[in-house]
Amino acid sequence: MNELHLQSSQMTTFMQCPRKWYYTYAKWRSIPPNAAMQKGTCFHLLCELHFKDNIAFEDLSAAVEERNPELCVHLAETLPALLHYKAHYSDSPYTFVELDGETAIELEFKIALTDSIFYHGKFDSLRERDGKQYIFDWKVTKMSPTDWYFKPFQQAYQTFSYSFAARECFSDCNGFFIDAIQIKNGSHNFARRYFPLLNIYDEFVAELIRTGEWIQQHLHDENYFEHRYTACVSKYGSLCEFAPVCTSRPDARPDILASDLYVDNKPIYDFSEGGKSEV
């Protein structure tokens, strides 16, 4: 049986709509990244370059241009956001952990659930306070980072994922923080929330394995992946990116999926027959 490589974001998509998961992670199709997604990518890259690679703030623009020139268009908004973020948390007692001589940022993990199902993820950073370790996750958003923004994280795949993965990877981890960075109309707002690691994640892992085994069994038959019509409209009121495919005639769907509406979503993990995974 082919290896299956899962992530928390994948499973969130699967729970929302299995057909959307199939198009995104089995067919590897997606819409081009929008400005909001690119701003988040740019901010994360700035944090990696500045906090991990020790690149001075005034040299970050050149570093981004060298690493990913397409993101440079967002520097006018993300550079001030990083500057204000540092100022806002200038007295934070949480310091970056050093692992193998490097600042613990962009930490990837791979955990074997079965002989052929693996769980992957990435911690934005690992920090410590008074000898205790904490995961930090940067979330760039255009929403107001109020309590309502953080509520969906209380019982979510990401929360269980962090609890499970943190205890597998870092025995001293005490919980995780989400840093919300709002970038909107040239202004920046920040909010930080702490989430304790959940002790009851055995059921989460069992369900993850069960779902993974089902996906493995049906991976090559699109008809098994249900299209949930109510998921075509998200909580923000916009149509799912695959609505043009799912709402068309079955015989027309392959051509629409292969059209210019979508781009190749380069696989991180190869689901193809005999394919090898890359981490």
Protein backbone atom coordinates (compact mmCIF):
# COMPACT_ATOMS: atom_id res chain seq x y z
CA MET A 1 0.00 0.00 0.00
CA ASN A 2 1.26 3.47 -0.86
CA GLU A 3 2.67 5.63 1.88
CA LEU A 4 0.34 8.39 3.02
CA HIS A 5 1.69 11.64 4.40
CA LEU A 6 -0.74 13.81 6.38
CA GLN A 7 -0.66 17.28 7.92
CA SER A 8 -3.06 19.11 10.22
CA SER A 9 -4.04 21.52 7.43
CA GLN A 10 -4.82 18.55 5.20
CA MET A 11 -7.08 17.00 7.77
CA THR A 12 -8.89 20.28 8.35
CA THR A 13 -9.58 20.35 4.61
CA PHE A 14 -10.72 16.73 4.64
CA MET A 15 -13.19 17.37 7.45
CA GLN A 16 -14.53 20.39 5.58
CA CYS A 17 -14.96 18.57 2.28
CA PRO A 18 -13.33 15.26 1.24
CA ARG A 19 -13.62 16.20 -2.44
CA LYS A 20 -11.72 19.42 -1.81
CA TRP A 21 -8.99 17.35 -0.13
CA TYR A 22 -8.89 15.02 -3.13
CA TYR A 23 -8.43 17.81 -5.64
CA THR A 24 -5.86 19.59 -3.49
CA TYR A 25 -3.76 16.69 -2.21
CA ALA A 26 -4.35 13.79 -4.63
CA LYS A 27 -4.70 15.75 -7.88
CA TRP A 28 -2.38 18.51 -6.60
CA ARG A 29 -4.39 21.40 -8.02
CA SER A 30 -4.89 24.81 -6.42
CA ILE A 31 -5.71 28.38 -7.24
CA PRO A 32 -2.82 30.85 -7.44
CA PRO A 33 -1.94 32.19 -3.98
CA ASN A 34 -3.79 35.40 -3.21
CA ALA A 35 -2.32 38.51 -1.65
CA ALA A 36 -3.35 37.52 1.88
CA MET A 37 -1.60 34.15 1.60
CA GLN A 38 1.52 35.77 0.18
CA LYS A 39 1.64 38.32 3.00
CA GLY A 40 1.64 35.46 5.50
CA THR A 41 4.40 33.69 3.60
CA CYS A 42 6.41 36.90 3.44
CA PHE A 43 6.07 37.59 7.17
CA HIS A 44 7.15 34.05 8.03
CA LEU A 45 10.16 34.38 5.74
CA LEU A 46 11.10 37.70 7.35
CA CYS A 47 10.97 36.09 10.79
CA GLU A 48 13.13 33.20 9.64
CA LEU A 49 15.70 35.50 8.03
CA HIS A 50 15.79 37.93 10.95
CA PHE A 51 15.51 35.69 14.02
CA LYS A 52 17.18 32.53 12.71
CA ASP A 53 19.67 33.76 10.11
CA ASN A 54 20.46 36.93 12.08
CA ILE A 55 20.01 39.22 9.07
CA ALA A 56 19.78 42.85 10.12
CA PHE A 57 16.45 44.55 9.65
CA GLU A 58 17.84 46.98 7.07
CA ASP A 59 19.12 44.05 4.98
CA LEU A 60 15.90 42.04 4.96
CA SER A 61 14.54 43.46 1.71
CA ALA A 62 17.62 42.30 -0.19
CA ALA A 63 17.47 38.89 1.51
CA VAL A 64 13.81 38.38 0.54
CA GLU A 65 14.56 39.43 -3.03
CA GLU A 66 17.29 36.82 -3.18
CA ARG A 67 15.22 34.07 -1.56
CA ASN A 68 11.78 34.71 -3.11
CA PRO A 69 11.51 37.78 -5.40
CA GLU A 70 7.75 37.34 -5.88
CA LEU A 71 7.20 38.32 -2.25
CA CYS A 72 8.94 41.67 -2.55
CA VAL A 73 5.69 43.39 -3.51
CA HIS A 74 4.46 42.75 0.05
CA LEU A 75 7.48 44.11 1.89
CA ALA A 76 5.94 47.58 2.22
CA GLU A 77 3.35 46.04 4.56
CA THR A 78 5.19 43.13 6.14
CA LEU A 79 8.43 44.88 7.06
CA PRO A 80 6.64 47.49 9.23
CA ALA A 81 4.55 44.66 10.69
CA LEU A 82 7.71 42.85 11.78
CA LEU A 83 9.16 46.05 13.23
CA HIS A 84 5.98 46.77 15.18
CA TYR A 85 5.72 43.12 16.25
CA LYS A 86 9.20 43.28 17.78
CA ALA A 87 8.39 46.56 19.54
CA HIS A 88 5.06 45.25 20.82
CA TYR A 89 6.69 42.20 22.44
CA SER A 90 10.00 43.83 23.30
CA ASP A 91 9.61 42.88 26.98
CA SER A 92 8.50 39.31 26.29
CA PRO A 93 10.09 36.83 28.74
CA TYR A 94 10.07 34.08 26.11
CA THR A 95 13.43 33.53 24.40
CA PHE A 96 14.22 31.38 21.37
CA VAL A 97 15.60 27.91 22.04
CA GLU A 98 18.88 26.93 20.43
CA LEU A 99 18.96 23.45 18.86
CA ASP A 100 22.19 22.10 17.37
CA GLY A 101 23.61 25.61 17.30
CA GLU A 102 20.66 27.13 15.41
CA THR A 103 17.69 29.18 16.56
CA ALA A 104 14.66 26.89 16.76
CA ILE A 105 12.55 28.35 13.95
CA GLU A 106 10.75 26.44 11.17
CA LEU A 107 11.12 23.09 12.91
CA GLU A 108 9.79 20.23 10.79
CA PHE A 109 8.62 16.95 12.26
CA LYS A 110 7.68 13.56 10.85
CA ILE A 111 5.93 11.01 13.05
CA ALA A 112 5.10 7.45 11.98
CA LEU A 113 1.49 6.56 12.82
CA THR A 114 1.64 3.16 11.10
CA ASP A 115 4.13 1.48 8.78
CA SER A 116 2.71 3.49 5.87
CA ILE A 117 0.99 6.56 7.39
CA PHE A 118 3.11 9.49 8.53
CA TYR A 119 2.16 12.74 10.18
CA HIS A 120 4.08 15.87 9.23
CA GLY A 121 4.09 19.42 10.44
CA LYS A 122 6.16 22.43 11.24
CA PHE A 123 6.55 24.51 14.37
CA ASP A 124 7.16 28.18 13.61
CA SER A 125 9.39 28.53 16.65
CA LEU A 126 10.29 26.96 19.98
CA ARG A 127 10.91 29.26 22.92
CA GLU A 128 11.45 28.91 26.64
CA ARG A 129 10.70 30.66 29.88
CA ASP A 130 11.96 29.62 33.31
CA GLY A 131 13.20 26.32 31.91
CA LYS A 132 9.90 25.41 30.25
CA GLN A 133 9.47 25.17 26.49
CA TYR A 134 6.64 26.58 24.41
CA ILE A 135 5.70 26.41 20.75
CA PHE A 136 4.93 29.70 19.02
CA ASP A 137 2.89 29.97 15.85
CA TRP A 138 2.65 33.13 13.72
CA LYS A 139 -0.72 33.81 12.13
CA VAL A 140 -0.96 36.73 9.71
CA THR A 141 -4.54 37.85 9.27
CA LYS A 142 -6.65 40.73 8.06
CA MET A 143 -9.21 39.93 10.75
CA SER A 144 -9.32 41.68 14.09
CA PRO A 145 -7.43 39.43 16.57
CA THR A 146 -10.17 39.40 19.18
CA ASP A 147 -11.23 36.44 21.32
CA TRP A 148 -13.52 35.41 18.47
CA TYR A 149 -10.48 34.97 16.24
CA PHE A 150 -8.82 32.57 18.68
CA LYS A 151 -11.93 30.56 19.55
CA PRO A 152 -11.67 28.07 16.64
CA PHE A 153 -8.24 27.00 17.89
CA GLN A 154 -9.60 25.73 21.19
CA GLN A 155 -10.70 22.34 19.85
CA ALA A 156 -9.22 21.97 16.40
CA TYR A 157 -7.01 19.64 14.44
CA GLN A 158 -4.12 22.04 14.89
CA THR A 159 -4.53 22.05 18.67
CA PHE A 160 -4.56 18.26 18.88
CA SER A 161 -1.72 18.12 16.37
CA TYR A 162 0.45 20.42 18.45
CA SER A 163 -0.33 18.48 21.62
CA PHE A 164 0.51 15.15 20.01
CA ALA A 165 3.57 16.29 18.07
CA ALA A 166 5.00 18.43 20.88
CA ARG A 167 4.98 15.52 23.31
CA GLU A 168 6.54 13.26 20.69
CA CYS A 169 9.29 15.76 19.82
CA PHE A 170 9.84 17.85 22.96
CA SER A 171 9.30 16.15 26.28
CA ASP A 172 9.56 19.44 28.18
CA CYS A 173 7.01 21.35 26.09
CA ASN A 174 4.43 23.07 28.28
CA GLY A 175 1.98 24.46 25.72
CA PHE A 176 1.79 26.74 22.72
CA PHE A 177 1.07 30.33 21.84
CA ILE A 178 -0.55 31.79 18.77
CA ASP A 179 0.62 35.23 17.77
CA ALA A 180 -1.97 36.94 15.57
CA ILE A 181 -0.53 39.71 13.42
CA GLN A 182 -3.20 41.80 11.76
CA ILE A 183 -2.12 43.64 8.61
CA LYS A 184 -4.89 45.90 7.38
CA ASN A 185 -4.96 49.30 5.73
CA GLY A 186 -1.38 50.04 6.71
CA SER A 187 -1.99 49.47 10.41
CA HIS A 188 -0.96 46.56 12.61
CA ASN A 189 -2.63 44.97 15.60
CA PHE A 190 -1.30 42.10 17.66
CA ALA A 191 -2.70 39.56 20.10
CA ARG A 192 -1.16 36.54 21.79
CA ARG A 193 -3.05 33.61 23.27
CA TYR A 194 -1.77 30.65 25.26
CA PHE A 195 -3.14 27.14 24.76
CA PRO A 196 -2.18 24.28 27.09
CA LEU A 197 -1.28 20.98 25.48
CA LEU A 198 -4.19 18.55 25.56
CA ASN A 199 -3.69 15.31 27.47
CA ILE A 200 -6.54 13.47 25.76
CA TYR A 201 -5.23 13.09 22.24
CA ASP A 202 -5.26 9.26 21.99
CA GLU A 203 -8.66 9.45 20.33
CA PHE A 204 -7.32 12.07 17.93
CA VAL A 205 -4.47 9.79 16.86
CA ALA A 206 -6.80 6.79 16.51
CA GLU A 207 -9.19 8.80 14.34
CA LEU A 208 -6.30 10.15 12.32
CA ILE A 209 -5.12 6.60 11.60
CA ARG A 210 -8.63 5.42 10.76
CA THR A 211 -9.13 8.31 8.33
CA GLY A 212 -5.70 7.77 6.82
CA GLU A 213 -6.40 4.09 6.21
CA TRP A 214 -9.70 4.99 4.53
CA ILE A 215 -7.91 7.48 2.28
CA GLN A 216 -5.28 4.88 1.38
CA GLN A 217 -7.98 2.40 0.44
CA HIS A 218 -9.92 4.80 -1.80
CA LEU A 219 -7.21 7.19 -2.99
CA HIS A 220 -7.57 6.28 -6.66
CA ASP A 221 -11.35 6.61 -6.87
CA GLU A 222 -12.64 10.17 -6.80
CA ASN A 223 -16.25 9.03 -6.33
CA TYR A 224 -15.54 7.96 -2.76
CA PHE A 225 -14.58 11.51 -1.82
CA GLU A 226 -17.85 13.21 -0.97
CA HIS A 227 -18.54 16.74 -2.14
CA ARG A 228 -20.15 18.60 0.74
CA TYR A 229 -22.17 21.34 -0.88
CA THR A 230 -22.48 23.40 2.29
CA ALA A 231 -18.68 23.67 2.36
CA CYS A 232 -18.68 25.50 -0.98
CA VAL A 233 -19.43 28.70 0.91
CA SER A 234 -16.89 29.43 3.61
CA LYS A 235 -17.45 31.40 6.79
CA TYR A 236 -16.17 34.47 4.96
CA GLY A 237 -18.95 34.20 2.38
CA SER A 238 -16.76 33.31 -0.59
CA LEU A 239 -17.06 30.27 -2.80
CA CYS A 240 -14.71 27.33 -2.42
CA GLU A 241 -12.00 27.45 -5.07
CA PHE A 242 -13.27 24.15 -6.48
CA ALA A 243 -16.92 25.20 -6.78
CA PRO A 244 -16.61 25.53 -10.61
CA VAL A 245 -15.52 21.89 -10.73
CA CYS A 246 -17.91 20.35 -8.24
CA THR A 247 -21.00 22.17 -9.53
CA SER A 248 -20.40 21.20 -13.17
CA ARG A 249 -21.35 18.02 -15.03
CA PRO A 250 -19.20 15.02 -14.08
CA ASP A 251 -17.89 14.66 -17.65
CA ALA A 252 -16.75 18.32 -17.67
CA ARG A 253 -14.90 18.28 -14.36
CA PRO A 254 -11.52 16.92 -15.57
CA ASP A 255 -11.20 19.66 -18.20
CA ILE A 256 -12.15 22.40 -15.72
CA LEU A 257 -9.71 21.07 -13.16
CA ALA A 258 -6.97 21.09 -15.82
CA SER A 259 -7.87 24.59 -17.04
CA ASP A 260 -6.14 27.89 -16.37
CA LEU A 261 -8.39 28.40 -13.36
CA TYR A 262 -5.94 26.26 -11.40
CA VAL A 263 -2.20 25.81 -11.15
CA ASP A 264 -0.02 22.85 -10.31
CA ASN A 265 0.29 22.51 -6.57
CA LYS A 266 3.73 20.92 -6.36
CA PRO A 267 3.48 17.86 -4.14
CA ILE A 268 5.45 17.92 -0.94
CA TYR A 269 4.77 14.22 -0.67
CA ASP A 270 4.34 11.88 -3.61
CA PHE A 271 1.08 9.89 -3.55
CA SER A 272 1.74 8.24 -6.90
CA GLU A 273 2.15 4.50 -7.28
CA GLY A 274 5.66 3.64 -6.15
CA GLY A 275 6.44 7.28 -5.36
CA LYS A 276 8.94 8.22 -2.71
CA SER A 277 8.17 10.74 -0.03
CA GLU A 278 10.37 13.75 0.54
CA VAL A 279 10.62 15.58 3.82
